Amino acid sequence: MNKKYIGSIHSYNGTFGFISSELGRTFFHKEALNKYVPQIWDEVEFQIEPSQRKKNQIQAYNIKFIKKSDNNTFDNNTINDEYLLGTVKWFDKTKGFGFISGNKSDYYIHVSNIKSGEVIYKNNLVVFKKKTTNNKLSAIDCQLFPNGLSGLSTENQKKVLNKYLSDRHVNSLNYYTIR
């Protein structure tokens, strides 16, 4: 397991994150960073080892910064008013946080950013806005699908659904009618 891999920081919340590489998305804990503070899309070199917490899984360690991404377009603190449709990767209701996958990225979700009364579970479809703070992606104004579409105009519903389908390489909703 001494092989070194090259990847890009996909997400990081200050405690843990994921690296995208030929292995897919690989979990890492901040202790593996060697005093390096990652930014989204930074290119890194890393090694893998068996996970200390999850049986039969791997985690990255010995993570070393290689270079800044050429296409890092995130602002320091922005909220995008565009709604996105995503899938809950996992959510721990005891700890009050998890991750949503959508728009070709993963978004940290905290229970305080879920519309009141809503409960989300793994694999639920959700509608949310993205927030970027210090190059970290978060989901805000999160609601279960289709509830989250109810407050949007028909045109915005089509935009959200078309974006979701195009990210998955499915033909657009032009063949369907939203009522």
N, C-alpha and C. Protein backbone atom coordinates (compact mmCIF):
# COMPACT_ATOMS: atom_id res chain seq x y z
N MET A 1 0.82 -1.21 0.00
CA MET A 1 0.00 0.00 0.00
C MET A 1 0.85 1.26 0.00
N ASN A 2 2.08 1.21 -0.46
CA ASN A 2 2.93 2.39 -0.51
C ASN A 2 2.74 3.19 -1.78
N LYS A 3 1.86 2.75 -2.68
CA LYS A 3 1.62 3.46 -3.93
C LYS A 3 1.09 4.86 -3.63
N LYS A 4 1.52 5.82 -4.45
CA LYS A 4 1.05 7.20 -4.31
C LYS A 4 0.06 7.51 -5.42
N TYR A 5 -0.98 8.23 -5.07
CA TYR A 5 -2.03 8.60 -6.00
C TYR A 5 -2.07 10.12 -6.13
N ILE A 6 -2.59 10.59 -7.26
CA ILE A 6 -2.79 12.02 -7.49
C ILE A 6 -4.29 12.25 -7.57
N GLY A 7 -4.76 13.31 -6.92
CA GLY A 7 -6.18 13.63 -6.96
C GLY A 7 -6.41 15.09 -6.65
N SER A 8 -7.69 15.47 -6.55
CA SER A 8 -8.09 16.84 -6.24
C SER A 8 -8.97 16.84 -5.00
N ILE A 9 -8.79 17.85 -4.16
CA ILE A 9 -9.65 17.98 -2.98
C ILE A 9 -11.07 18.22 -3.48
N HIS A 10 -11.97 17.34 -3.11
CA HIS A 10 -13.36 17.45 -3.55
C HIS A 10 -14.21 18.21 -2.53
N SER A 11 -13.95 17.96 -1.26
CA SER A 11 -14.66 18.66 -0.19
C SER A 11 -13.83 18.57 1.08
N TYR A 12 -14.02 19.56 1.95
CA TYR A 12 -13.33 19.57 3.24
C TYR A 12 -14.09 20.50 4.17
N ASN A 13 -14.45 20.02 5.36
CA ASN A 13 -15.23 20.83 6.28
C ASN A 13 -14.45 21.27 7.52
N GLY A 14 -13.13 21.13 7.49
CA GLY A 14 -12.30 21.51 8.62
C GLY A 14 -11.93 20.33 9.50
N THR A 15 -12.66 19.23 9.39
CA THR A 15 -12.36 18.03 10.15
C THR A 15 -12.07 16.84 9.23
N PHE A 16 -12.86 16.70 8.18
CA PHE A 16 -12.65 15.61 7.23
C PHE A 16 -13.10 16.06 5.85
N GLY A 17 -12.78 15.25 4.85
CA GLY A 17 -13.19 15.57 3.49
C GLY A 17 -12.98 14.39 2.57
N PHE A 18 -13.02 14.68 1.26
CA PHE A 18 -12.88 13.66 0.25
C PHE A 18 -11.97 14.15 -0.87
N ILE A 19 -11.19 13.22 -1.41
CA ILE A 19 -10.31 13.49 -2.55
C ILE A 19 -10.87 12.72 -3.74
N SER A 20 -11.01 13.40 -4.89
CA SER A 20 -11.43 12.75 -6.13
C SER A 20 -10.19 12.32 -6.89
N SER A 21 -10.15 11.05 -7.32
CA SER A 21 -9.00 10.53 -8.05
C SER A 21 -9.44 9.30 -8.85
N GLU A 22 -8.48 8.58 -9.39
CA GLU A 22 -8.78 7.35 -10.12
C GLU A 22 -9.49 6.32 -9.24
N LEU A 23 -9.40 6.48 -7.92
CA LEU A 23 -10.04 5.57 -6.98
C LEU A 23 -11.50 5.93 -6.73
N GLY A 24 -11.95 7.05 -7.28
CA GLY A 24 -13.26 7.59 -6.96
C GLY A 24 -13.08 8.64 -5.88
N ARG A 25 -13.98 8.70 -4.92
CA ARG A 25 -13.85 9.65 -3.81
C ARG A 25 -13.30 8.91 -2.60
N THR A 26 -12.18 9.41 -2.08
CA THR A 26 -11.51 8.78 -0.96
C THR A 26 -11.61 9.68 0.26
N PHE A 27 -12.08 9.14 1.37
CA PHE A 27 -12.22 9.86 2.64
C PHE A 27 -10.84 10.20 3.20
N PHE A 28 -10.76 11.37 3.88
CA PHE A 28 -9.57 11.68 4.67
C PHE A 28 -9.96 12.46 5.91
N HIS A 29 -9.17 12.33 6.94
CA HIS A 29 -9.34 13.07 8.18
C HIS A 29 -8.25 14.13 8.24
N LYS A 30 -8.50 15.22 8.94
CA LYS A 30 -7.55 16.34 8.98
C LYS A 30 -6.15 15.92 9.45
N GLU A 31 -6.05 14.85 10.25
CA GLU A 31 -4.75 14.39 10.73
C GLU A 31 -3.85 13.91 9.59
N ALA A 32 -4.42 13.62 8.42
CA ALA A 32 -3.65 13.13 7.27
C ALA A 32 -3.06 14.26 6.43
N LEU A 33 -3.31 15.51 6.84
CA LEU A 33 -2.95 16.66 6.01
C LEU A 33 -1.55 17.22 6.22
N ASN A 34 -0.82 16.79 7.24
CA ASN A 34 0.55 17.29 7.49
C ASN A 34 0.61 18.81 7.52
N LYS A 35 -0.27 19.44 8.29
CA LYS A 35 -0.33 20.90 8.49
C LYS A 35 -0.77 21.68 7.25
N TYR A 36 -1.16 21.01 6.20
CA TYR A 36 -1.66 21.64 4.99
C TYR A 36 -3.15 21.90 5.15
N VAL A 37 -3.62 23.10 4.79
CA VAL A 37 -5.04 23.43 4.84
C VAL A 37 -5.57 23.40 3.41
N PRO A 38 -6.35 22.38 3.07
CA PRO A 38 -6.77 22.21 1.67
C PRO A 38 -7.82 23.22 1.23
N GLN A 39 -7.79 23.51 -0.05
CA GLN A 39 -8.81 24.31 -0.71
C GLN A 39 -9.45 23.42 -1.77
N ILE A 40 -10.72 23.65 -2.04
CA ILE A 40 -11.43 22.85 -3.03
C ILE A 40 -10.68 22.88 -4.36
N TRP A 41 -10.50 21.72 -4.94
CA TRP A 41 -9.87 21.47 -6.24
C TRP A 41 -8.36 21.56 -6.23
N ASP A 42 -7.71 21.79 -5.07
CA ASP A 42 -6.25 21.71 -5.01
C ASP A 42 -5.82 20.32 -5.46
N GLU A 43 -4.73 20.24 -6.20
CA GLU A 43 -4.19 18.95 -6.61
C GLU A 43 -3.27 18.45 -5.50
N VAL A 44 -3.44 17.18 -5.12
CA VAL A 44 -2.67 16.60 -4.02
C VAL A 44 -2.15 15.21 -4.38
N GLU A 45 -1.11 14.80 -3.65
CA GLU A 45 -0.59 13.44 -3.73
C GLU A 45 -0.94 12.79 -2.40
N PHE A 46 -1.31 11.50 -2.42
CA PHE A 46 -1.70 10.83 -1.18
C PHE A 46 -1.47 9.34 -1.30
N GLN A 47 -1.52 8.68 -0.16
CA GLN A 47 -1.46 7.23 -0.09
C GLN A 47 -2.73 6.75 0.60
N ILE A 48 -2.98 5.45 0.52
CA ILE A 48 -4.19 4.91 1.15
C ILE A 48 -3.84 3.84 2.16
N GLU A 49 -4.74 3.68 3.12
CA GLU A 49 -4.61 2.66 4.15
C GLU A 49 -6.01 2.21 4.54
N PRO A 50 -6.14 1.08 5.22
CA PRO A 50 -7.47 0.66 5.69
C PRO A 50 -8.03 1.71 6.65
N SER A 51 -9.31 1.95 6.55
CA SER A 51 -9.98 2.91 7.43
C SER A 51 -9.87 2.46 8.88
N GLN A 52 -9.63 3.40 9.76
CA GLN A 52 -9.54 3.09 11.19
C GLN A 52 -10.93 3.02 11.82
N ARG A 53 -11.93 3.56 11.11
CA ARG A 53 -13.27 3.60 11.68
C ARG A 53 -14.28 2.71 10.95
N LYS A 54 -14.06 2.49 9.63
CA LYS A 54 -15.02 1.71 8.85
C LYS A 54 -14.37 0.47 8.28
N LYS A 55 -14.89 -0.66 8.66
CA LYS A 55 -14.34 -1.94 8.22
C LYS A 55 -14.49 -2.09 6.70
N ASN A 56 -13.48 -2.65 6.07
CA ASN A 56 -13.45 -2.92 4.63
C ASN A 56 -13.49 -1.66 3.77
N GLN A 57 -13.06 -0.52 4.32
CA GLN A 57 -12.99 0.72 3.54
C GLN A 57 -11.58 1.28 3.65
N ILE A 58 -11.25 2.21 2.75
CA ILE A 58 -9.94 2.84 2.77
C ILE A 58 -10.06 4.31 3.11
N GLN A 59 -8.93 4.89 3.49
CA GLN A 59 -8.87 6.33 3.73
C GLN A 59 -7.52 6.82 3.24
N ALA A 60 -7.45 8.11 2.93
CA ALA A 60 -6.21 8.71 2.47
C ALA A 60 -5.36 9.12 3.66
N TYR A 61 -4.03 9.06 3.49
CA TYR A 61 -3.12 9.57 4.50
C TYR A 61 -1.90 10.13 3.78
N ASN A 62 -1.05 10.80 4.52
CA ASN A 62 0.17 11.39 3.96
C ASN A 62 -0.17 12.27 2.76
N ILE A 63 -1.15 13.16 2.93
CA ILE A 63 -1.62 14.03 1.85
C ILE A 63 -0.65 15.20 1.70
N LYS A 64 -0.17 15.39 0.47
CA LYS A 64 0.78 16.47 0.19
C LYS A 64 0.25 17.34 -0.93
N PHE A 65 0.31 18.65 -0.73
CA PHE A 65 -0.12 19.63 -1.72
C PHE A 65 0.81 19.58 -2.94
N ILE A 66 0.23 19.59 -4.14
CA ILE A 66 1.01 19.66 -5.37
C ILE A 66 0.88 21.05 -5.99
N LYS A 67 -0.38 21.45 -6.30
CA LYS A 67 -0.58 22.77 -6.89
C LYS A 67 -2.04 23.21 -6.77
N LYS A 68 -2.25 24.52 -6.89
CA LYS A 68 -3.59 25.08 -6.91
C LYS A 68 -4.26 24.68 -8.22
N SER A 69 -5.55 24.54 -8.18
CA SER A 69 -6.29 24.23 -9.39
C SER A 69 -6.29 25.43 -10.33
N ASP A 70 -6.25 25.16 -11.61
CA ASP A 70 -6.32 26.23 -12.60
C ASP A 70 -7.74 26.74 -12.76
N ASN A 71 -8.73 25.96 -12.34
CA ASN A 71 -10.11 26.38 -12.54
C ASN A 71 -10.85 26.60 -11.24
N ASN A 72 -10.18 27.06 -10.21
CA ASN A 72 -10.83 27.35 -8.94
C ASN A 72 -11.60 28.65 -9.06
N THR A 73 -12.91 28.56 -9.12
CA THR A 73 -13.74 29.73 -9.36
C THR A 73 -14.60 30.10 -8.17
N PHE A 74 -14.34 29.53 -7.01
CA PHE A 74 -15.18 29.81 -5.85
C PHE A 74 -14.80 31.12 -5.18
N ASP A 75 -15.81 31.89 -4.79
CA ASP A 75 -15.56 33.10 -4.00
C ASP A 75 -15.38 32.71 -2.55
N ASN A 76 -14.96 33.66 -1.74
CA ASN A 76 -14.73 33.39 -0.33
C ASN A 76 -16.02 33.10 0.42
N ASN A 77 -17.11 33.79 0.10
CA ASN A 77 -18.36 33.59 0.81
C ASN A 77 -19.51 34.02 -0.09
N THR A 78 -20.12 33.08 -0.79
CA THR A 78 -21.21 33.43 -1.70
C THR A 78 -22.36 32.46 -1.53
N ILE A 79 -23.55 32.96 -1.81
CA ILE A 79 -24.75 32.13 -1.85
C ILE A 79 -25.31 32.24 -3.25
N ASN A 80 -25.52 31.12 -3.88
CA ASN A 80 -26.09 31.09 -5.22
C ASN A 80 -27.59 30.97 -5.06
N ASP A 81 -28.35 31.91 -5.62
CA ASP A 81 -29.81 31.89 -5.49
C ASP A 81 -30.48 30.83 -6.36
N GLU A 82 -29.70 30.19 -7.21
CA GLU A 82 -30.24 29.14 -8.06
C GLU A 82 -30.47 27.87 -7.22
N TYR A 83 -31.63 27.27 -7.38
CA TYR A 83 -31.90 26.02 -6.67
C TYR A 83 -31.33 24.85 -7.45
N LEU A 84 -30.84 23.86 -6.72
CA LEU A 84 -30.28 22.65 -7.30
C LEU A 84 -31.04 21.44 -6.77
N LEU A 85 -30.97 20.36 -7.50
CA LEU A 85 -31.57 19.10 -7.08
C LEU A 85 -30.44 18.12 -6.83
N GLY A 86 -30.46 17.45 -5.70
CA GLY A 86 -29.39 16.52 -5.37
C GLY A 86 -29.90 15.31 -4.62
N THR A 87 -28.96 14.43 -4.30
CA THR A 87 -29.27 13.20 -3.58
C THR A 87 -28.51 13.17 -2.26
N VAL A 88 -29.17 12.84 -1.18
CA VAL A 88 -28.51 12.74 0.12
C VAL A 88 -27.57 11.54 0.10
N LYS A 89 -26.26 11.80 0.24
CA LYS A 89 -25.28 10.70 0.29
C LYS A 89 -25.38 10.01 1.63
N TRP A 90 -25.40 10.80 2.69
CA TRP A 90 -25.63 10.29 4.03
C TRP A 90 -25.97 11.47 4.94
N PHE A 91 -26.71 11.17 5.99
CA PHE A 91 -27.06 12.19 6.98
C PHE A 91 -27.19 11.50 8.32
N ASP A 92 -26.43 11.99 9.31
CA ASP A 92 -26.46 11.44 10.66
C ASP A 92 -27.34 12.37 11.50
N LYS A 93 -28.57 11.95 11.78
CA LYS A 93 -29.49 12.85 12.51
C LYS A 93 -29.06 13.04 13.96
N THR A 94 -28.28 12.11 14.51
CA THR A 94 -27.78 12.27 15.88
C THR A 94 -26.75 13.40 15.94
N LYS A 95 -25.85 13.43 14.95
CA LYS A 95 -24.83 14.48 14.91
C LYS A 95 -25.32 15.74 14.21
N GLY A 96 -26.36 15.61 13.40
CA GLY A 96 -26.96 16.77 12.76
C GLY A 96 -26.29 17.26 11.49
N PHE A 97 -25.58 16.38 10.78
CA PHE A 97 -24.96 16.79 9.53
C PHE A 97 -24.77 15.61 8.60
N GLY A 98 -24.44 15.94 7.34
CA GLY A 98 -24.20 14.92 6.34
C GLY A 98 -23.76 15.56 5.04
N PHE A 99 -23.93 14.85 3.91
CA PHE A 99 -23.54 15.36 2.61
C PHE A 99 -24.60 15.07 1.57
N ILE A 100 -24.75 16.02 0.65
CA ILE A 100 -25.65 15.91 -0.49
C ILE A 100 -24.79 15.93 -1.74
N SER A 101 -25.09 15.07 -2.69
CA SER A 101 -24.39 15.04 -3.97
C SER A 101 -25.29 15.65 -5.03
N GLY A 102 -24.78 16.66 -5.72
CA GLY A 102 -25.56 17.30 -6.77
C GLY A 102 -24.70 18.29 -7.54
N ASN A 103 -25.09 18.57 -8.77
CA ASN A 103 -24.35 19.55 -9.58
C ASN A 103 -22.88 19.18 -9.68
N LYS A 104 -22.58 17.88 -9.75
CA LYS A 104 -21.23 17.33 -9.90
C LYS A 104 -20.31 17.65 -8.72
N SER A 105 -20.88 17.92 -7.54
CA SER A 105 -20.10 18.20 -6.33
C SER A 105 -20.82 17.62 -5.12
N ASP A 106 -20.11 17.59 -3.99
CA ASP A 106 -20.72 17.21 -2.72
C ASP A 106 -20.86 18.45 -1.86
N TYR A 107 -21.97 18.55 -1.16
CA TYR A 107 -22.29 19.71 -0.34
C TYR A 107 -22.52 19.26 1.10
N TYR A 108 -21.85 19.91 2.02
CA TYR A 108 -22.06 19.67 3.44
C TYR A 108 -23.45 20.19 3.79
N ILE A 109 -24.21 19.42 4.55
CA ILE A 109 -25.53 19.87 5.00
C ILE A 109 -25.62 19.75 6.51
N HIS A 110 -26.00 20.85 7.15
CA HIS A 110 -26.22 20.87 8.60
C HIS A 110 -27.71 20.90 8.85
N VAL A 111 -28.15 20.30 9.93
CA VAL A 111 -29.57 20.23 10.25
C VAL A 111 -30.22 21.61 10.29
N SER A 112 -29.46 22.65 10.64
CA SER A 112 -30.02 24.00 10.70
C SER A 112 -30.35 24.56 9.32
N ASN A 113 -29.87 23.92 8.25
CA ASN A 113 -30.15 24.37 6.89
C ASN A 113 -31.21 23.53 6.18
N ILE A 114 -31.91 22.71 6.95
CA ILE A 114 -33.02 21.93 6.42
C ILE A 114 -34.30 22.64 6.86
N LYS A 115 -35.22 22.84 5.92
CA LYS A 115 -36.47 23.52 6.25
C LYS A 115 -37.14 22.82 7.42
N SER A 116 -37.70 23.60 8.33
CA SER A 116 -38.27 23.04 9.56
C SER A 116 -39.33 21.99 9.26
N GLY A 117 -39.29 20.95 10.05
CA GLY A 117 -40.24 19.86 9.90
C GLY A 117 -39.81 18.79 8.92
N GLU A 118 -38.78 19.04 8.14
CA GLU A 118 -38.32 18.06 7.16
C GLU A 118 -37.28 17.15 7.80
N VAL A 119 -37.29 15.89 7.43
CA VAL A 119 -36.29 14.92 7.87
C VAL A 119 -35.72 14.29 6.61
N ILE A 120 -34.39 14.24 6.50
CA ILE A 120 -33.78 13.66 5.29
C ILE A 120 -33.03 12.38 5.64
N TYR A 121 -33.02 11.47 4.68
CA TYR A 121 -32.35 10.19 4.83
C TYR A 121 -31.51 9.91 3.58
N LYS A 122 -30.59 8.98 3.71
CA LYS A 122 -29.75 8.57 2.59
C LYS A 122 -30.62 8.25 1.37
N ASN A 123 -30.18 8.72 0.21
CA ASN A 123 -30.81 8.51 -1.09
C ASN A 123 -32.07 9.35 -1.33
N ASN A 124 -32.48 10.21 -0.38
CA ASN A 124 -33.59 11.12 -0.65
C ASN A 124 -33.18 12.13 -1.70
N LEU A 125 -34.10 12.51 -2.58
CA LEU A 125 -33.89 13.63 -3.49
C LEU A 125 -34.26 14.90 -2.75
N VAL A 126 -33.41 15.93 -2.86
CA VAL A 126 -33.66 17.19 -2.17
C VAL A 126 -33.40 18.36 -3.11
N VAL A 127 -34.06 19.48 -2.82
CA VAL A 127 -33.86 20.74 -3.52
C VAL A 127 -33.15 21.66 -2.53
N PHE A 128 -32.10 22.37 -2.99
CA PHE A 128 -31.33 23.22 -2.09
C PHE A 128 -30.62 24.33 -2.86
N LYS A 129 -30.13 25.32 -2.12
CA LYS A 129 -29.25 26.35 -2.67
C LYS A 129 -27.84 26.02 -2.21
N LYS A 130 -26.85 26.46 -3.00
CA LYS A 130 -25.47 26.21 -2.57
C LYS A 130 -24.89 27.48 -1.96
N LYS A 131 -24.06 27.27 -0.95
CA LYS A 131 -23.34 28.35 -0.28
C LYS A 131 -21.87 27.97 -0.28
N THR A 132 -21.02 28.92 -0.61
CA THR A 132 -19.58 28.70 -0.59
C THR A 132 -18.97 29.62 0.45
N THR A 133 -18.28 29.04 1.43
CA THR A 133 -17.60 29.81 2.46
C THR A 133 -16.18 29.28 2.57
N ASN A 134 -15.20 30.15 2.36
CA ASN A 134 -13.79 29.74 2.42
C ASN A 134 -13.54 28.50 1.58
N ASN A 135 -14.07 28.50 0.38
CA ASN A 135 -13.91 27.40 -0.59
C ASN A 135 -14.55 26.10 -0.16
N LYS A 136 -15.47 26.14 0.78
CA LYS A 136 -16.18 24.94 1.23
C LYS A 136 -17.63 25.04 0.77
N LEU A 137 -18.12 23.98 0.12
CA LEU A 137 -19.48 23.96 -0.38
C LEU A 137 -20.44 23.45 0.68
N SER A 138 -21.56 24.19 0.84
CA SER A 138 -22.60 23.78 1.77
C SER A 138 -23.95 23.89 1.08
N ALA A 139 -24.91 23.12 1.57
CA ALA A 139 -26.29 23.21 1.11
C ALA A 139 -27.07 24.00 2.13
N ILE A 140 -27.92 24.93 1.66
CA ILE A 140 -28.80 25.69 2.54
C ILE A 140 -30.21 25.64 1.95
N ASP A 141 -31.20 26.05 2.74
CA ASP A 141 -32.60 26.04 2.31
C ASP A 141 -32.99 24.70 1.71
N CYS A 142 -32.60 23.63 2.36
CA CYS A 142 -32.80 22.27 1.85
C CYS A 142 -34.22 21.78 2.16
N GLN A 143 -34.87 21.20 1.13
CA GLN A 143 -36.19 20.60 1.28
C GLN A 143 -36.25 19.30 0.50
N LEU A 144 -37.09 18.40 0.93
CA LEU A 144 -37.30 17.16 0.20
C LEU A 144 -37.93 17.45 -1.16
N PHE A 145 -37.58 16.65 -2.15
CA PHE A 145 -38.20 16.73 -3.46
C PHE A 145 -39.47 15.90 -3.40
N PRO A 146 -40.60 16.30 -3.88
CA PRO A 146 -40.87 17.49 -4.67
C PRO A 146 -41.30 18.70 -3.86
N ASN A 147 -41.37 18.59 -2.51
CA ASN A 147 -41.81 19.73 -1.69
C ASN A 147 -41.03 21.00 -2.02
N GLY A 148 -39.73 20.86 -2.24
CA GLY A 148 -38.88 22.01 -2.50
C GLY A 148 -39.19 22.70 -3.81
N LEU A 149 -39.86 22.03 -4.72
CA LEU A 149 -40.22 22.66 -5.99
C LEU A 149 -41.51 23.45 -5.88
N SER A 150 -42.32 23.19 -4.85
CA SER A 150 -43.64 23.79 -4.77
C SER A 150 -43.60 25.31 -4.70
N GLY A 151 -42.55 25.89 -4.13
CA GLY A 151 -42.47 27.34 -4.02
C GLY A 151 -41.84 28.01 -5.23
N LEU A 152 -41.43 27.21 -6.22
CA LEU A 152 -40.78 27.76 -7.40
C LEU A 152 -41.76 27.92 -8.56
N SER A 153 -41.50 28.88 -9.42
CA SER A 153 -42.32 29.04 -10.62
C SER A 153 -42.12 27.82 -11.52
N THR A 154 -43.05 27.61 -12.45
CA THR A 154 -42.93 26.50 -13.38
C THR A 154 -41.62 26.58 -14.14
N GLU A 155 -41.22 27.79 -14.55
CA GLU A 155 -39.97 27.96 -15.29
C GLU A 155 -38.77 27.54 -14.44
N ASN A 156 -38.74 27.94 -13.16
CA ASN A 156 -37.64 27.55 -12.28
C ASN A 156 -37.66 26.06 -11.97
N GLN A 157 -38.85 25.46 -11.89
CA GLN A 157 -38.94 24.01 -11.72
C GLN A 157 -38.29 23.31 -12.89
N LYS A 158 -38.57 23.77 -14.11
CA LYS A 158 -37.98 23.17 -15.31
C LYS A 158 -36.47 23.32 -15.29
N LYS A 159 -35.97 24.50 -14.89
CA LYS A 159 -34.52 24.73 -14.84
C LYS A 159 -33.85 23.76 -13.87
N VAL A 160 -34.43 23.61 -12.68
CA VAL A 160 -33.86 22.72 -11.66
C VAL A 160 -33.83 21.29 -12.17
N LEU A 161 -34.93 20.83 -12.70
CA LEU A 161 -35.02 19.45 -13.16
C LEU A 161 -34.15 19.21 -14.40
N ASN A 162 -34.10 20.15 -15.32
CA ASN A 162 -33.23 20.00 -16.50
C ASN A 162 -31.76 19.95 -16.10
N LYS A 163 -31.36 20.78 -15.14
CA LYS A 163 -29.97 20.78 -14.68
C LYS A 163 -29.65 19.43 -14.04
N TYR A 164 -30.55 18.93 -13.23
CA TYR A 164 -30.35 17.64 -12.57
C TYR A 164 -30.19 16.53 -13.61
N LEU A 165 -31.07 16.50 -14.60
CA LEU A 165 -31.01 15.48 -15.62
C LEU A 165 -29.77 15.61 -16.50
N SER A 166 -29.39 16.85 -16.85
CA SER A 166 -28.22 17.02 -17.71
C SER A 166 -26.95 16.60 -16.98
N ASP A 167 -26.88 16.81 -15.66
CA ASP A 167 -25.72 16.36 -14.89
C ASP A 167 -25.60 14.84 -14.92
N ARG A 168 -26.70 14.16 -15.15
CA ARG A 168 -26.70 12.70 -15.20
C ARG A 168 -26.77 12.19 -16.64
N HIS A 169 -26.57 13.10 -17.59
CA HIS A 169 -26.53 12.76 -19.02
C HIS A 169 -27.83 12.12 -19.49
N VAL A 170 -28.97 12.68 -19.02
CA VAL A 170 -30.29 12.23 -19.43
C VAL A 170 -30.89 13.34 -20.30
N ASN A 171 -31.68 12.98 -21.30
CA ASN A 171 -32.32 14.00 -22.14
C ASN A 171 -33.12 14.96 -21.30
N SER A 172 -33.28 16.17 -21.76
CA SER A 172 -33.94 17.23 -20.99
C SER A 172 -35.42 16.97 -20.82
N LEU A 173 -36.05 17.84 -20.03
CA LEU A 173 -37.48 17.74 -19.75
C LEU A 173 -38.32 18.29 -20.87
N ASN A 174 -37.73 18.70 -21.98
CA ASN A 174 -38.51 19.25 -23.07
C ASN A 174 -39.55 18.25 -23.54
N TYR A 175 -39.35 16.98 -23.25
CA TYR A 175 -40.30 15.95 -23.66
C TYR A 175 -41.42 15.77 -22.63
N TYR A 176 -41.30 16.43 -21.51
CA TYR A 176 -42.26 16.25 -20.43
C TYR A 176 -42.94 17.57 -20.11
N THR A 177 -44.08 17.48 -19.45
CA THR A 177 -44.81 18.68 -19.05
C THR A 177 -44.88 18.72 -17.54
N ILE A 178 -44.53 19.86 -16.97
CA ILE A 178 -44.64 20.05 -15.52
C ILE A 178 -45.89 20.85 -15.28
N ARG A 179 -46.75 20.36 -14.41
CA ARG A 179 -48.01 21.07 -14.12
C ARG A 179 -48.09 21.43 -12.68
